[in-house]
Protein backbone atom coordinates (compact mmCIF):
# COMPACT_ATOMS: atom_id res chain seq x y z
CA MET A 1 106.22 -184.92 58.95
CA ALA A 2 109.31 -186.12 57.03
CA TRP A 3 109.34 -182.89 55.05
CA HIS A 4 109.66 -180.77 58.20
CA ALA A 5 112.27 -183.06 59.74
CA LEU A 6 114.43 -182.89 56.61
CA ARG A 7 113.95 -179.12 56.35
CA PHE A 8 115.18 -178.77 59.92
CA ALA A 9 118.11 -181.12 59.24
CA GLY A 10 119.12 -178.95 56.28
CA ALA A 11 118.90 -175.77 58.33
CA ALA A 12 120.96 -177.35 61.12
CA LEU A 13 123.62 -178.44 58.64
CA THR A 14 123.92 -174.85 57.40
CA GLU A 15 124.62 -173.87 61.01
CA ASP A 16 127.50 -176.38 61.08
CA MET A 17 125.65 -178.73 63.42
CA ALA A 18 126.32 -182.45 63.24
CA VAL A 19 122.98 -183.97 62.25
CA ARG A 20 121.88 -187.59 62.29
CA VAL A 21 118.56 -189.03 61.20
CA HIS A 22 117.35 -192.50 62.16
CA LEU A 23 114.36 -193.65 60.11
CA LEU A 24 111.85 -195.79 62.02
CA ASP A 25 108.63 -197.66 61.22
CA ASP A 26 107.16 -196.64 57.86
CA GLY A 27 109.54 -193.65 57.89
CA VAL A 28 112.08 -195.96 56.22
CA GLU A 29 110.03 -195.47 53.03
CA VAL A 30 111.57 -191.98 52.78
CA GLY A 31 114.91 -193.64 52.08
CA ARG A 32 113.79 -195.64 49.02
CA LYS A 33 115.41 -194.99 45.64
CA ASN A 34 113.21 -194.12 42.65
CA GLN A 35 110.20 -192.90 44.61
CA THR A 36 107.00 -191.98 42.83
CA ILE A 37 106.32 -188.39 43.79
CA PRO A 38 102.67 -187.37 44.06
CA GLU A 39 101.65 -184.28 42.10
CA ASP A 40 102.43 -181.05 43.96
CA ALA A 41 104.55 -182.93 46.54
CA VAL A 42 108.16 -182.34 47.49
CA ASN A 43 110.68 -184.84 46.18
CA LEU A 44 112.00 -186.14 49.49
CA GLU A 45 114.40 -188.49 47.72
CA ASP A 46 116.21 -185.58 46.06
CA LEU A 47 116.21 -183.60 49.29
CA LEU A 48 117.58 -186.51 51.29
CA ARG A 49 120.32 -187.17 48.71
CA GLU A 50 121.35 -183.51 48.82
CA LEU A 51 121.46 -183.49 52.61
CA ILE A 52 123.56 -186.68 52.69
CA GLU A 53 126.01 -184.97 50.32
CA CYS A 54 126.14 -182.07 52.80
CA GLY A 55 127.07 -184.35 55.69
CA LEU A 56 123.77 -185.69 57.03
CA GLU A 57 124.20 -189.12 58.61
CA VAL A 58 121.20 -191.38 57.99
CA SER A 59 120.37 -194.85 59.21
CA ALA A 60 117.24 -196.92 58.79
CA CYS A 61 116.00 -199.28 61.48
CA GLY A 62 116.75 -202.82 60.36
CA MET A 63 113.55 -204.20 61.89
CA SER A 64 111.51 -201.50 60.13
CA LEU A 65 113.19 -202.33 56.82
CA ASP A 66 112.29 -205.97 57.33
CA ASP A 67 108.71 -205.17 58.39
CA CYS A 68 108.21 -202.96 55.30
CA HIS A 69 109.85 -205.61 53.07
CA ILE A 70 112.50 -203.17 51.88
CA ASP A 71 115.79 -204.59 50.69
CA GLU A 72 118.80 -202.48 51.67
CA ASN A 73 119.85 -202.40 48.00
CA ILE A 74 116.90 -200.18 47.11
CA MET A 75 117.77 -197.57 49.73
CA ILE A 76 119.40 -194.26 48.78
CA ASN A 77 123.18 -194.50 48.79
CA GLY A 78 124.56 -193.33 52.11
CA ILE A 79 121.75 -194.74 54.25
CA GLU A 80 123.02 -197.47 56.52
CA ARG A 81 121.07 -200.27 58.15
CA GLY A 82 120.76 -199.29 61.80
CA SER A 83 119.55 -200.74 65.06
CA MET A 84 118.12 -199.54 68.33
CA LYS A 85 121.54 -200.12 69.89
CA ALA A 86 123.16 -197.84 67.31
CA LEU A 87 120.39 -195.27 67.85
CA ALA A 88 121.00 -195.41 71.61
CA ALA A 89 124.71 -194.78 71.00
CA TRP A 90 123.85 -191.76 68.81
CA VAL A 91 121.52 -190.38 71.49
CA ASN A 92 124.14 -190.96 74.18
CA THR A 93 126.70 -188.85 72.32
CA SER A 94 124.26 -186.12 71.20
CA ASP A 95 123.80 -182.73 72.79
CA GLN A 96 120.22 -182.46 71.55
CA VAL A 97 117.66 -184.96 70.29
CA MET A 98 114.53 -184.15 68.31
CA VAL A 99 111.80 -186.58 67.36
CA PHE A 100 109.49 -186.05 64.38
């Protein structure tokens, strides 16, 4: 699921769309640094880093980080600790919202 969401985010960025991703539940794992990549799997860490460099805004739900016992210091640079309030503000100012 994360692979398709990030692929779409990359495509949207190439179309000059403002794209934001809010990681929830165990989806915050995608934002970890130094991931172990299973054989024949896509390196989502590299893809996410590249997209952040291209302007993707990424936040990770603070409660999800806490529930998964992930310290913010081990998240990919550029990912901010977020909240449902911040997500609601993003949704409020967005023209379109997609959920993966």
